């Protein structure tokens, strides 16, 4: 069934199919909801809500409430514990997907089934069709920094892993990658290796062995690509030695990886010398990717949202190669594809697929609420309205996405804030704005992940003059003192002097322009912002911490705001602080 070989890829046909469903997005949405509700009419969850087999939009909205993961957790846990009855879906759930866990500090369980796998391949194929029309690739393979997470069984015997792990292990994925000329240069043993560092080393090694075949460089997230090439800067001479002698580095100890690599690694002094010369001739590693992979057409991965801070470094490595942002989805399922791949990542939009789920949008409008704080101050809050349908959204407005899918999520609040930038036929094109839940707030202040990013970018300009980079950053609201204050953690590429860092700290504080924050700082209801410098390698420790929880590198996103409940990461940060600076902006 799923394992069956797919028909030969026809990009023109795939684009035509997408055009057809997006021209009738409203009708397709009604039909998609009908299918979901018909398939799952016998589910306990829907029966309890009194839907009684009805499949129309009005009945669905009147009976089924908006929910978060917390509301569905008891049902999902029953499925994970082995309840075979129709709990959330008519057909049994076949696997459990784990979210990245970077937002709340621990992974969430999410139902996964074959329908989600099929919709993933639909997104991949459609996205490739549009991408290949603008940036055609020839015969070859891809240097993909992809990794499997741990696979384990729940108490009820269901396979549980990250969504990407479930996908990478499927025959449908392997066949699709062949069809869209996107096979990984690395053997499966490297992708599914138990140790991230060993797999990364071998991905780089395989990429260089097959350097003439590489058509593009990719990973799920931009962060993983930057991480890979930061590592390459440290190990490139060892890789050259491996290629020259045909013997794999002794630090790679996993037997399955060593066995697989022995089949492709042969002594090649000429290639080793060529790579050595090219690396030695680069200036600060600028243009590394096109220099080492001459036939690569682009660099590909998710580059929006929390990935935007990595673009500067990625462009440095990519040189003249275009950066193409991939598609928009989550552990709960896919939303849309980038069908305008020529746009730079900062302007990328995602056209929603009207046939992979039923989508609603909560309009979010800014409203000013007066609050008393020694004197009257204003702060921007979101006012929610009733959800609207896919074709009812308005260009220029911001919304929170509500998802109903084929795997047991009904009117599920995804927590993402998006902006409607336009329409592709009658389906909206969305720009990701931020995660709604990630707020820095102490008093009446409300600062989002985007506000934090803008503040860090402003302060980074002061470091750029010193030729120093912020490798990564995160934040925390410290309430251990009174009043509480914002803490920003920076890991730097090298040491900076105290005067520059004090200026950076003040710049960060000034850059939070939210009215509630500024007024609270002025009356000392929020303390001085603190900039804490942490040791090199701290964010690698945080990544390793999440891998230890069962996460996969391919799903990892640096958490931008660390809550008090995320004690493991806070401890890593606390143990790594080398210097601290306090803002003097408000005296």
Protein backbone atom coordinates (compact mmCIF):
# COMPACT_ATOMS: atom_id res chain seq x y z
CA UNK A 1 0.00 0.00 0.00
CA UNK A 2 2.22 2.83 1.26
CA UNK A 3 5.29 0.82 0.33
CA UNK A 4 4.16 0.57 -3.29
CA UNK A 5 6.46 2.33 -5.78
CA UNK A 6 5.05 5.71 -6.72
CA UNK A 7 4.55 6.70 -10.35
CA UNK A 8 7.33 8.69 -11.98
CA UNK A 9 7.47 12.30 -10.82
CA UNK A 10 5.84 14.84 -13.12
CA UNK A 11 6.36 18.34 -11.74
CA UNK A 12 3.96 19.99 -14.19
CA UNK A 13 1.17 17.60 -13.21
CA UNK A 14 1.82 18.13 -9.49
CA UNK A 15 1.61 21.93 -9.92
CA UNK A 16 -1.61 21.56 -11.92
CA UNK A 17 -3.14 19.46 -9.11
CA UNK A 18 -2.18 22.11 -6.56
CA UNK A 19 -3.63 24.88 -8.73
CA UNK A 20 -6.91 22.95 -9.02
CA UNK A 21 -7.42 22.44 -5.26
CA UNK A 22 -6.41 26.00 -4.39
CA UNK A 23 -8.84 27.51 -6.93
CA UNK A 24 -11.68 25.79 -5.08
CA UNK A 25 -10.23 26.14 -1.56
CA UNK A 26 -13.58 26.89 0.10
CA UNK A 27 -15.33 23.85 -1.40
CA UNK A 28 -12.28 21.64 -0.78
CA UNK A 29 -12.26 22.67 2.91
CA UNK A 30 -15.92 21.67 3.36
CA UNK A 31 -15.24 18.33 1.67
CA UNK A 32 -12.08 17.75 3.74
CA UNK A 33 -13.99 18.37 7.00
CA UNK A 34 -16.74 16.02 5.84
CA UNK A 35 -14.18 13.27 5.17
CA UNK A 36 -12.50 13.75 8.56
CA UNK A 37 -15.81 13.64 10.46
CA UNK A 38 -17.17 10.69 8.44
CA UNK A 39 -14.03 8.63 9.02
CA UNK A 40 -14.09 9.38 12.74
CA UNK A 41 -17.84 9.54 13.45
CA UNK A 42 -17.56 6.64 15.88
CA UNK A 43 -14.75 8.22 17.92
CA UNK A 44 -15.56 8.52 21.61
CA UNK A 45 -14.37 12.13 21.73
CA UNK A 46 -16.75 13.31 19.00
CA UNK A 47 -19.64 11.25 20.32
CA UNK A 48 -19.28 12.76 23.79
CA UNK A 49 -19.54 16.22 22.25
CA UNK A 50 -22.89 15.31 20.67
CA UNK A 51 -21.87 15.64 17.05
CA UNK A 52 -23.96 12.54 16.35
CA UNK A 53 -22.49 11.80 12.92
CA UNK A 54 -23.10 15.27 11.48
CA UNK A 55 -20.39 16.52 9.12
CA UNK A 56 -21.41 20.10 8.29
CA UNK A 57 -19.32 23.10 9.33
CA UNK A 58 -22.04 24.71 11.50
CA UNK A 59 -22.65 21.59 13.61
CA UNK A 60 -18.93 21.01 13.94
CA UNK A 61 -18.28 24.53 15.23
CA UNK A 62 -21.26 24.53 17.61
CA UNK A 63 -20.46 21.13 19.17
CA UNK A 64 -16.65 20.96 19.17
CA UNK A 65 -14.73 23.41 21.38
CA UNK A 66 -11.33 24.98 20.69
CA UNK A 67 -8.69 22.97 22.56
CA UNK A 68 -5.01 22.89 23.44
CA UNK A 69 -2.79 19.85 23.84
CA UNK A 70 -3.53 19.83 27.57
CA UNK A 71 -7.24 19.23 26.85
CA UNK A 72 -6.51 16.20 24.66
CA UNK A 73 -3.70 14.79 26.81
CA UNK A 74 -5.89 12.28 28.75
CA UNK A 75 -7.22 10.82 25.48
CA UNK A 76 -3.77 10.62 23.87
CA UNK A 77 -2.35 9.00 27.00
CA UNK A 78 -5.04 6.30 26.89
CA UNK A 79 -4.05 5.54 23.28
CA UNK A 80 -0.36 5.44 24.26
CA UNK A 81 -1.22 3.10 27.14
CA UNK A 82 -2.82 0.63 24.74
CA UNK A 83 -6.52 1.54 24.50
CA UNK A 84 -7.51 0.02 21.14
CA UNK A 85 -11.03 1.46 21.07
CA UNK A 86 -12.04 4.43 18.91
CA UNK A 87 -10.83 7.11 21.31
CA UNK A 88 -10.01 10.03 18.99
CA UNK A 89 -10.22 8.35 15.58
CA UNK A 90 -12.31 5.65 13.91
CA UNK A 91 -9.24 3.68 12.84
CA UNK A 92 -6.55 2.88 15.42
CA UNK A 93 -3.65 5.31 15.81
CA UNK A 94 -0.55 3.48 14.55
CA UNK A 95 2.20 5.53 16.20
CA UNK A 96 2.92 8.37 18.57
CA UNK A 97 4.88 11.39 17.40
CA UNK A 98 6.96 13.43 19.84
CA UNK A 99 7.15 17.20 19.59
CA UNK A 100 10.60 18.77 19.87
CA UNK A 101 10.03 19.70 23.52
CA UNK A 102 11.94 22.95 23.14
CA UNK A 103 8.96 25.13 24.02
CA UNK A 104 7.76 23.50 27.23
CA UNK A 105 10.91 21.63 28.24
CA UNK A 106 9.50 18.17 27.58
CA UNK A 107 8.16 16.50 24.41
CA UNK A 108 4.40 16.24 23.85
CA UNK A 109 2.74 13.05 22.61
CA UNK A 110 0.87 13.63 19.33
CA UNK A 111 -1.16 11.00 17.42
CA UNK A 112 0.44 9.95 14.11
CA UNK A 113 -1.04 7.82 11.33
CA UNK A 114 -0.60 6.94 7.66
CA UNK A 115 -2.72 9.88 6.52
CA UNK A 116 -0.22 12.31 8.06
CA UNK A 117 2.59 10.46 6.31
CA UNK A 118 0.78 10.76 2.98
CA UNK A 119 0.16 14.48 3.45
CA UNK A 120 3.86 14.94 4.26
CA UNK A 121 4.82 13.39 0.92
CA UNK A 122 2.20 15.54 -0.82
CA UNK A 123 3.86 18.65 0.63
CA UNK A 124 7.36 17.42 -0.31
CA UNK A 125 6.36 16.66 -3.89
CA UNK A 126 4.46 19.92 -4.41
CA UNK A 127 7.21 22.02 -2.89
CA UNK A 128 9.82 20.29 -5.06
CA UNK A 129 7.73 20.84 -8.20
CA UNK A 130 7.66 24.61 -7.66
CA UNK A 131 11.30 24.69 -6.52
CA UNK A 132 12.54 22.67 -9.45
CA UNK A 133 10.70 24.88 -11.91
CA UNK A 134 12.76 27.88 -10.75
CA UNK A 135 15.96 26.07 -9.70
CA UNK A 136 16.19 22.86 -11.76
CA UNK A 137 18.62 20.24 -10.51
CA UNK A 138 20.23 17.49 -12.53
CA UNK A 139 20.86 13.86 -11.72
CA UNK A 140 22.58 13.46 -8.41
CA UNK A 141 21.97 13.46 -4.69
CA UNK A 142 21.67 15.84 -1.77
CA UNK A 143 23.95 16.51 1.17
CA UNK A 144 21.27 16.29 3.83
CA UNK A 145 22.03 16.78 7.51
CA UNK A 146 19.18 14.59 8.72
CA UNK A 147 19.14 12.48 11.84
CA UNK A 148 16.86 9.96 13.44
CA UNK A 149 15.69 10.34 17.02
CA UNK A 150 15.31 7.47 19.46
CA UNK A 151 12.55 4.98 18.72
CA UNK A 152 10.81 3.42 21.71
CA UNK A 153 7.54 1.75 22.64
CA UNK A 154 4.86 3.37 24.76
CA UNK A 155 3.30 1.46 27.65
CA UNK A 156 0.68 0.16 25.24
CA UNK A 157 3.24 -0.98 22.67
CA UNK A 158 2.91 1.85 20.12
CA UNK A 159 6.06 3.00 18.34
CA UNK A 160 7.00 6.49 19.56
CA UNK A 161 9.54 8.83 18.00
CA UNK A 162 9.83 12.30 16.56
CA UNK A 163 7.67 12.97 13.49
CA UNK A 164 10.80 13.22 11.31
CA UNK A 165 12.03 9.82 12.55
CA UNK A 166 8.71 8.17 11.62
CA UNK A 167 8.94 9.79 8.19
CA UNK A 168 12.61 8.94 7.52
CA UNK A 169 11.98 5.26 8.34
CA UNK A 170 9.06 4.88 5.92
CA UNK A 171 9.39 3.30 2.49
CA UNK A 172 7.14 6.04 1.13
CA UNK A 173 9.69 8.66 2.15
CA UNK A 174 12.56 6.74 0.55
CA UNK A 175 10.63 6.33 -2.70
CA UNK A 176 9.57 9.97 -2.71
CA UNK A 177 13.17 11.15 -2.23
CA UNK A 178 14.19 9.05 -5.25
CA UNK A 179 11.35 10.50 -7.31
CA UNK A 180 12.24 14.11 -6.51
CA UNK A 181 16.00 13.61 -6.97
CA UNK A 182 16.67 14.27 -3.29
CA UNK A 183 18.32 11.09 -2.04
CA UNK A 184 20.81 11.61 0.76
CA UNK A 185 24.48 10.96 -0.07
CA UNK A 186 24.89 9.26 3.31
CA UNK A 187 23.90 5.64 3.94
CA UNK A 188 20.93 4.89 6.21
CA UNK A 189 23.26 3.73 8.97
CA UNK A 190 24.55 7.32 9.26
CA UNK A 191 21.04 8.84 9.33
CA UNK A 192 19.87 6.33 11.95
CA UNK A 193 23.07 6.31 13.98
CA UNK A 194 22.66 6.55 17.77
CA UNK A 195 25.22 9.35 18.23
CA UNK A 196 24.57 12.75 16.62
CA UNK A 197 28.25 13.80 16.57
CA UNK A 198 29.34 10.62 14.78
CA UNK A 199 26.49 10.94 12.25
CA UNK A 200 27.32 14.59 11.57
CA UNK A 201 30.99 13.78 10.96
CA UNK A 202 30.04 11.04 8.50
CA UNK A 203 27.47 13.24 6.71
CA UNK A 204 30.29 15.72 6.05
CA UNK A 205 32.64 12.94 4.97
CA UNK A 206 30.06 11.39 2.61
CA UNK A 207 29.29 14.82 1.21
CA UNK A 208 32.93 15.27 0.24
CA UNK A 209 33.38 11.75 -1.14
CA UNK A 210 30.42 12.41 -3.45
CA UNK A 211 31.06 16.15 -3.82
CA UNK A 212 30.50 16.15 -7.60
CA UNK A 213 27.08 14.50 -7.18
CA UNK A 214 25.68 16.94 -4.62
CA UNK A 215 22.87 19.00 -6.16
CA UNK A 216 21.82 20.87 -3.02
CA UNK A 217 22.58 21.08 0.70
CA UNK A 218 19.75 20.80 3.18
CA UNK A 219 18.46 20.01 6.64
CA UNK A 220 15.10 20.32 8.36
CA UNK A 221 16.19 23.58 10.02
CA UNK A 222 18.75 26.25 9.11
CA UNK A 223 20.23 25.78 12.59
CA UNK A 224 21.37 22.24 11.70
CA UNK A 225 23.16 23.43 8.56
CA UNK A 226 25.01 26.18 10.44
CA UNK A 227 25.85 23.68 13.20
CA UNK A 228 27.24 21.27 10.59
CA UNK A 229 29.58 23.80 9.02
CA UNK A 230 30.70 25.23 12.35
CA UNK A 231 31.72 21.65 13.13
CA UNK A 232 33.39 21.34 9.71
CA UNK A 233 35.65 24.29 10.57
CA UNK A 234 36.97 22.20 13.48
CA UNK A 235 37.28 18.77 11.85
CA UNK A 236 38.08 19.44 8.17
CA UNK A 237 41.71 18.35 8.48
CA UNK A 238 40.66 15.06 10.10
CA UNK A 239 38.19 14.50 7.25
CA UNK A 240 40.98 15.12 4.71
CA UNK A 241 43.13 12.53 6.52
CA UNK A 242 40.27 9.97 6.37
CA UNK A 243 39.86 10.54 2.63
CA UNK A 244 43.60 10.45 1.98
CA UNK A 245 44.14 7.17 3.88
CA UNK A 246 40.74 5.56 3.32
CA UNK A 247 40.37 4.87 7.05
CA UNK A 248 37.51 6.25 9.17
CA UNK A 249 38.35 8.40 12.19
CA UNK A 250 38.63 6.30 15.37
CA UNK A 251 36.18 8.66 17.14
CA UNK A 252 33.41 7.08 15.08
CA UNK A 253 32.81 3.96 17.15
CA UNK A 254 29.30 2.79 16.16
CA UNK A 255 29.81 -0.60 14.41
CA UNK A 256 26.93 -0.17 11.92
CA UNK A 257 28.26 3.23 10.80
CA UNK A 258 31.85 1.97 10.53
CA UNK A 259 30.69 -1.00 8.47
CA UNK A 260 28.60 1.17 6.10
CA UNK A 261 31.34 3.77 5.70
CA UNK A 262 33.97 1.11 4.94
CA UNK A 263 32.07 0.34 1.73
CA UNK A 264 32.38 3.87 0.38
CA UNK A 265 35.58 5.23 1.95
CA UNK A 266 38.62 4.33 -0.14
CA UNK A 267 42.09 5.96 -0.20
CA UNK A 268 41.91 9.05 -2.44
CA UNK A 269 44.94 11.33 -1.92
CA UNK A 270 44.05 13.46 -4.94
CA UNK A 271 40.59 14.34 -3.54
CA UNK A 272 42.05 14.96 -0.07
CA UNK A 273 44.67 17.34 -1.47
CA UNK A 274 42.06 19.19 -3.54
CA UNK A 275 39.79 19.69 -0.49
CA UNK A 276 42.76 20.75 1.63
CA UNK A 277 43.76 23.40 -0.93
CA UNK A 278 40.22 24.71 -1.25
CA UNK A 279 39.72 24.97 2.52
CA UNK A 280 43.11 26.63 3.00
CA UNK A 281 42.28 29.18 0.31
CA UNK A 282 38.99 30.35 1.88
CA UNK A 283 38.84 33.64 3.75
CA UNK A 284 37.10 33.07 7.09
CA UNK A 285 35.17 30.19 5.45
CA UNK A 286 33.18 32.55 3.21
CA UNK A 287 31.58 30.65 0.29
CA UNK A 288 32.52 27.28 1.77
CA UNK A 289 29.51 25.45 0.28
CA UNK A 290 29.90 26.37 -3.43
CA UNK A 291 33.68 25.98 -3.17
CA UNK A 292 33.45 22.39 -1.92
CA UNK A 293 30.25 21.39 -3.77
CA UNK A 294 30.60 22.96 -7.24
CA UNK A 295 27.35 21.50 -8.61
CA UNK A 296 25.12 22.56 -5.71
CA UNK A 297 22.26 24.80 -6.88
CA UNK A 298 20.94 26.03 -3.51
CA UNK A 299 20.76 25.58 0.26
CA UNK A 300 17.39 24.35 1.56
CA UNK A 301 15.67 24.13 4.94
CA UNK A 302 13.23 25.93 7.24
CA UNK A 303 14.66 29.45 7.57
CA UNK A 304 11.74 31.42 9.01
CA UNK A 305 10.60 32.14 12.58
CA UNK A 306 13.18 31.14 15.16
CA UNK A 307 15.60 30.23 12.32
CA UNK A 308 16.00 33.83 11.10
CA UNK A 309 18.94 34.57 13.45
CA UNK A 310 21.03 31.92 11.64
CA UNK A 311 20.60 33.42 8.16
CA UNK A 312 23.60 35.73 8.35
CA UNK A 313 25.98 32.86 9.09
CA UNK A 314 24.26 30.62 6.56
CA UNK A 315 24.66 33.26 3.84
CA UNK A 316 28.33 33.50 4.81
CA UNK A 317 28.80 29.77 4.18
CA UNK A 318 26.55 29.75 1.08
CA UNK A 319 28.29 32.65 -0.70
CA UNK A 320 26.50 33.19 -4.00
CA UNK A 321 24.16 30.19 -3.63
CA UNK A 322 20.49 31.07 -3.05
CA UNK A 323 18.87 30.17 0.29
CA UNK A 324 15.49 28.47 -0.22
CA UNK A 325 13.16 28.17 2.73
CA UNK A 326 11.20 24.92 2.96
CA UNK A 327 7.66 24.32 4.14
CA UNK A 328 5.46 25.13 7.12
CA UNK A 329 4.30 22.47 9.51
CA UNK A 330 4.61 21.16 13.04
CA UNK A 331 4.60 17.89 14.96
CA UNK A 332 0.79 18.07 14.73
CA UNK A 333 0.83 18.14 10.92
CA UNK A 334 1.53 20.26 7.86
CA UNK A 335 -0.03 23.61 6.97
CA UNK A 336 1.43 24.83 3.68
CA UNK A 337 4.26 24.90 1.16
CA UNK A 338 6.61 27.55 -0.16
CA UNK A 339 5.36 27.90 -3.74
CA UNK A 340 7.35 31.10 -4.33
CA UNK A 341 10.89 29.76 -3.82
CA UNK A 342 12.59 32.78 -5.41
CA UNK A 343 11.63 34.95 -2.43
CA UNK A 344 14.37 35.48 0.18
CA UNK A 345 13.71 33.65 3.49
CA UNK A 346 12.75 36.89 5.26
CA UNK A 347 9.81 37.32 2.85
CA UNK A 348 8.77 33.68 2.44
CA UNK A 349 5.07 32.83 2.53
CA UNK A 350 3.33 29.47 2.75
CA UNK A 351 0.30 28.58 0.64
CA UNK A 352 -2.10 26.51 2.74
CA UNK A 353 -3.11 23.08 1.38
CA UNK A 354 -6.92 23.03 1.65
CA UNK A 355 -7.14 19.24 1.37
CA UNK A 356 -4.78 18.05 4.14
CA UNK A 357 -6.83 19.34 7.08
CA UNK A 358 -9.57 21.75 8.06
CA UNK A 359 -8.21 25.14 9.09
CA UNK A 360 -9.67 27.99 11.10
CA UNK A 361 -8.07 31.26 12.11
CA UNK A 362 -8.57 33.33 15.26
CA UNK A 363 -8.23 37.02 14.32
CA UNK A 364 -5.75 38.75 16.62
CA UNK A 365 -6.11 42.48 16.89
CA UNK A 366 -4.05 44.76 19.05
CA UNK A 367 -5.97 46.62 21.73
CA UNK A 368 -4.73 49.08 24.31
CA UNK A 369 -5.80 48.36 27.87
CA UNK A 370 -5.32 50.89 30.61
CA UNK A 371 -3.74 49.61 33.79
CA UNK A 372 -2.83 51.45 36.98
CA UNK A 373 0.87 51.40 37.87
CA UNK A 374 1.70 54.41 40.05
CA UNK A 375 0.66 56.26 36.91
CA UNK A 376 -1.38 55.12 33.94
CA UNK A 377 0.53 53.08 31.38
CA UNK A 378 -0.49 51.38 28.16
CA UNK A 379 0.46 47.95 26.94
CA UNK A 380 -0.41 46.10 23.76
CA UNK A 381 -2.53 42.98 24.25
CA UNK A 382 -4.25 40.70 21.76
CA UNK A 383 -8.03 40.78 21.57
CA UNK A 384 -9.48 37.56 20.16
CA UNK A 385 -12.49 37.30 17.87
CA UNK A 386 -14.46 34.29 16.67
CA UNK A 387 -12.49 32.00 14.34
CA UNK A 388 -12.96 32.45 10.59
CA UNK A 389 -12.55 29.96 7.76
CA UNK A 390 -9.62 29.51 5.39
CA UNK A 391 -11.01 31.70 2.62
CA UNK A 392 -12.38 34.37 5.01
CA UNK A 393 -9.03 35.68 6.27
CA UNK A 394 -7.95 39.20 5.31
CA UNK A 395 -4.64 40.34 3.84
CA UNK A 396 -2.48 42.18 6.37
CA UNK A 397 -4.22 40.69 9.43
CA UNK A 398 -2.64 38.40 12.04
CA UNK A 399 -4.23 35.14 13.19
CA UNK A 400 -3.67 32.12 15.40
CA UNK A 401 -4.10 28.85 13.46
CA UNK A 402 -6.65 26.20 14.47
CA UNK A 403 -6.10 22.70 13.00
CA UNK A 404 -8.46 19.77 12.51
CA UNK A 405 -6.68 16.78 10.96
CA UNK A 406 -7.10 13.12 10.06
CA UNK A 407 -5.19 11.92 13.15
CA UNK A 408 -7.57 12.91 15.97
CA UNK A 409 -6.95 16.62 16.50
CA UNK A 410 -10.16 18.66 16.35
CA UNK A 411 -10.13 22.47 16.54
CA UNK A 412 -6.62 22.27 17.99
CA UNK A 413 -4.91 25.54 18.82
CA UNK A 414 -1.50 25.30 17.24
CA UNK A 415 -0.20 28.36 19.10
CA UNK A 416 1.39 29.90 15.99
CA UNK A 417 0.74 33.51 15.02
CA UNK A 418 0.74 34.09 11.26
CA UNK A 419 0.12 37.06 9.00
CA UNK A 420 -1.85 36.79 5.75
CA UNK A 421 0.33 38.27 3.00
CA UNK A 422 -1.87 37.45 0.01
CA UNK A 423 -3.66 34.59 -1.74
CA UNK A 424 -2.58 31.83 -4.11
CA UNK A 425 -5.80 31.44 -6.08
CA UNK A 426 -8.29 31.26 -3.18
CA UNK A 427 -6.00 29.80 -0.49
CA UNK A 428 -4.12 32.24 1.78
CA UNK A 429 -0.36 32.71 1.75
CA UNK A 430 0.84 32.94 5.34
CA UNK A 431 3.95 34.44 6.86
CA UNK A 432 5.03 32.96 10.19
CA UNK A 433 5.21 35.66 12.89
CA UNK A 434 5.94 33.90 16.19
CA UNK A 435 4.87 31.33 18.74
CA UNK A 436 2.11 32.92 20.76
CA UNK A 437 3.10 31.29 24.04
CA UNK A 438 6.69 32.51 24.06
CA UNK A 439 6.33 35.74 25.98
CA UNK A 440 8.70 37.65 28.18
CA UNK A 441 6.40 39.17 30.77
CA UNK A 442 6.72 40.30 34.39
CA UNK A 443 4.19 43.02 34.96
CA UNK A 444 2.09 44.55 32.16
CA UNK A 445 4.87 43.97 29.61
CA UNK A 446 4.34 41.62 26.69
CA UNK A 447 7.38 40.85 24.53
CA UNK A 448 7.26 38.08 21.94
CA UNK A 449 9.97 35.94 20.38
CA UNK A 450 10.02 38.44 17.49
CA UNK A 451 10.56 41.36 19.91
CA UNK A 452 13.47 39.47 21.47
CA UNK A 453 14.96 38.74 18.05
CA UNK A 454 14.78 42.41 17.02
CA UNK A 455 16.46 43.48 20.28
CA UNK A 456 19.28 40.96 19.82
CA UNK A 457 19.77 42.00 16.18
CA UNK A 458 20.07 45.67 17.22
CA UNK A 459 22.70 44.85 19.85
CA UNK A 460 24.58 42.51 17.52
CA UNK A 461 25.38 45.45 15.24
CA UNK A 462 27.66 46.80 17.97
CA UNK A 463 29.53 43.47 18.03
CA UNK A 464 29.79 43.32 14.24
CA UNK A 465 32.08 46.34 14.33
CA UNK A 466 34.42 44.20 16.48
CA UNK A 467 34.11 41.21 14.07
CA UNK A 468 32.45 39.15 16.84
CA UNK A 469 29.41 36.93 16.30
CA UNK A 470 26.57 35.87 18.58
CA UNK A 471 26.62 32.11 18.04
CA UNK A 472 23.23 31.72 19.73
CA UNK A 473 21.02 33.30 22.36
CA UNK A 474 18.10 32.70 24.70
CA UNK A 475 16.28 34.51 27.49
CA UNK A 476 14.70 34.03 30.90
CA UNK A 477 12.52 36.03 33.26
CA UNK A 478 14.35 36.06 36.60
CA UNK A 479 11.88 36.42 39.47
CA UNK A 480 14.33 35.42 42.22
CA UNK A 481 14.89 39.10 43.01
CA UNK A 482 12.34 41.86 43.46
CA UNK A 483 11.54 43.36 41.05
CA UNK A 484 11.98 40.66 38.44
CA UNK A 485 14.07 41.37 35.36
CA UNK A 486 14.85 40.05 31.88
CA UNK A 487 18.00 37.97 31.42
CA UNK A 488 19.52 37.54 27.95
CA UNK A 489 22.13 34.79 27.46
CA UNK A 490 24.72 35.14 24.70
CA UNK A 491 27.31 32.67 23.46
CA UNK A 492 29.97 34.60 21.51
CA UNK A 493 32.46 33.48 18.88
CA UNK A 494 35.27 35.16 20.85
CA UNK A 495 35.83 37.49 23.80
CA UNK A 496 34.66 41.11 23.66
CA UNK A 497 35.73 43.97 25.90
CA UNK A 498 33.61 45.18 28.79
CA UNK A 499 32.81 48.57 27.28
CA UNK A 500 31.30 47.03 24.13
CA UNK A 501 29.32 44.48 26.13
CA UNK A 502 27.96 47.16 28.46
CA UNK A 503 26.81 49.06 25.39
CA UNK A 504 25.22 45.87 24.04
CA UNK A 505 23.37 45.36 27.33
CA UNK A 506 22.00 48.91 27.24
CA UNK A 507 21.04 48.50 23.60
CA UNK A 508 19.09 45.33 24.41
CA UNK A 509 17.17 47.14 27.14
CA UNK A 510 16.37 50.13 24.93
CA UNK A 511 15.24 47.88 22.08
CA UNK A 512 12.25 46.44 23.97
CA UNK A 513 9.85 49.21 22.94
CA UNK A 514 6.63 47.63 24.24
CA UNK A 515 4.81 50.41 26.13
CA UNK A 516 4.17 48.19 29.15
CA UNK A 517 7.85 47.29 29.40
CA UNK A 518 9.14 50.85 29.04
CA UNK A 519 6.70 52.28 31.60
CA UNK A 520 7.40 49.43 34.04
CA UNK A 521 11.15 49.99 33.74
CA UNK A 522 10.75 53.73 34.35
CA UNK A 523 8.87 53.22 37.62
CA UNK A 524 11.16 50.32 38.68
CA UNK A 525 8.37 47.70 38.48
CA UNK A 526 10.81 45.73 36.27
CA UNK A 527 14.50 45.62 37.16
CA UNK A 528 17.48 46.36 34.92
CA UNK A 529 17.96 43.97 32.03
CA UNK A 530 20.90 41.59 32.53
CA UNK A 531 23.19 40.27 29.80
CA UNK A 532 24.93 37.03 30.78
CA UNK A 533 27.79 35.68 28.67
CA UNK A 534 28.10 31.91 28.60
CA UNK A 535 30.97 29.60 27.65
CA UNK A 536 31.54 28.37 24.10
CA UNK A 537 29.74 25.08 23.59
CA UNK A 538 26.86 25.82 25.99
CA UNK A 539 24.19 25.65 23.29
CA UNK A 540 25.68 22.35 22.17
CA UNK A 541 25.12 21.10 25.74
CA UNK A 542 21.50 22.28 25.54
CA UNK A 543 21.08 20.37 22.27
CA UNK A 544 22.60 17.26 23.87
CA UNK A 545 20.19 17.70 26.79
CA UNK A 546 17.19 17.54 24.42
CA UNK A 547 18.66 14.56 22.58
CA UNK A 548 18.86 12.85 25.97
CA UNK A 549 15.11 13.41 26.37
CA UNK A 550 14.52 11.46 23.15
CA UNK A 551 14.48 14.41 20.74
CA UNK A 552 16.05 14.47 17.29
CA UNK A 553 18.51 17.00 15.93
CA UNK A 554 16.30 17.51 12.90
CA UNK A 555 13.49 18.84 15.10
CA UNK A 556 15.61 20.89 17.47
CA UNK A 557 14.94 24.61 17.76
CA UNK A 558 16.90 26.63 20.30
CA UNK A 559 14.37 27.63 22.98
CA UNK A 560 14.25 31.43 22.93
CA UNK A 561 12.58 31.84 26.31
CA UNK A 562 13.37 29.43 29.16
CA UNK A 563 10.58 29.11 31.71
CA UNK A 564 11.13 28.37 35.39
CA UNK A 565 9.81 24.81 34.89
CA UNK A 566 12.59 24.07 32.39
CA UNK A 567 15.05 23.42 35.21
CA UNK A 568 17.43 21.23 33.18
CA UNK A 569 18.25 23.95 30.65
CA UNK A 570 18.35 26.68 33.31
CA UNK A 571 20.92 24.63 35.21
CA UNK A 572 23.10 24.24 32.09
CA UNK A 573 22.93 28.01 31.52
CA UNK A 574 23.58 28.84 35.15
CA UNK A 575 26.67 26.62 35.26
CA UNK A 576 28.05 28.23 32.09
CA UNK A 577 27.89 31.95 32.92
CA UNK A 578 31.31 33.64 32.72
CA UNK A 579 30.34 37.33 32.91
CA UNK A 580 27.30 39.44 33.64
CA UNK A 581 26.29 43.03 32.78
CA UNK A 582 23.32 45.13 33.95
CA UNK A 583 21.65 47.87 31.92
CA UNK A 584 21.97 51.47 33.08
CA UNK A 585 19.41 52.82 30.59
CA UNK A 586 16.77 53.79 33.14
CA UNK A 587 19.18 54.84 35.87
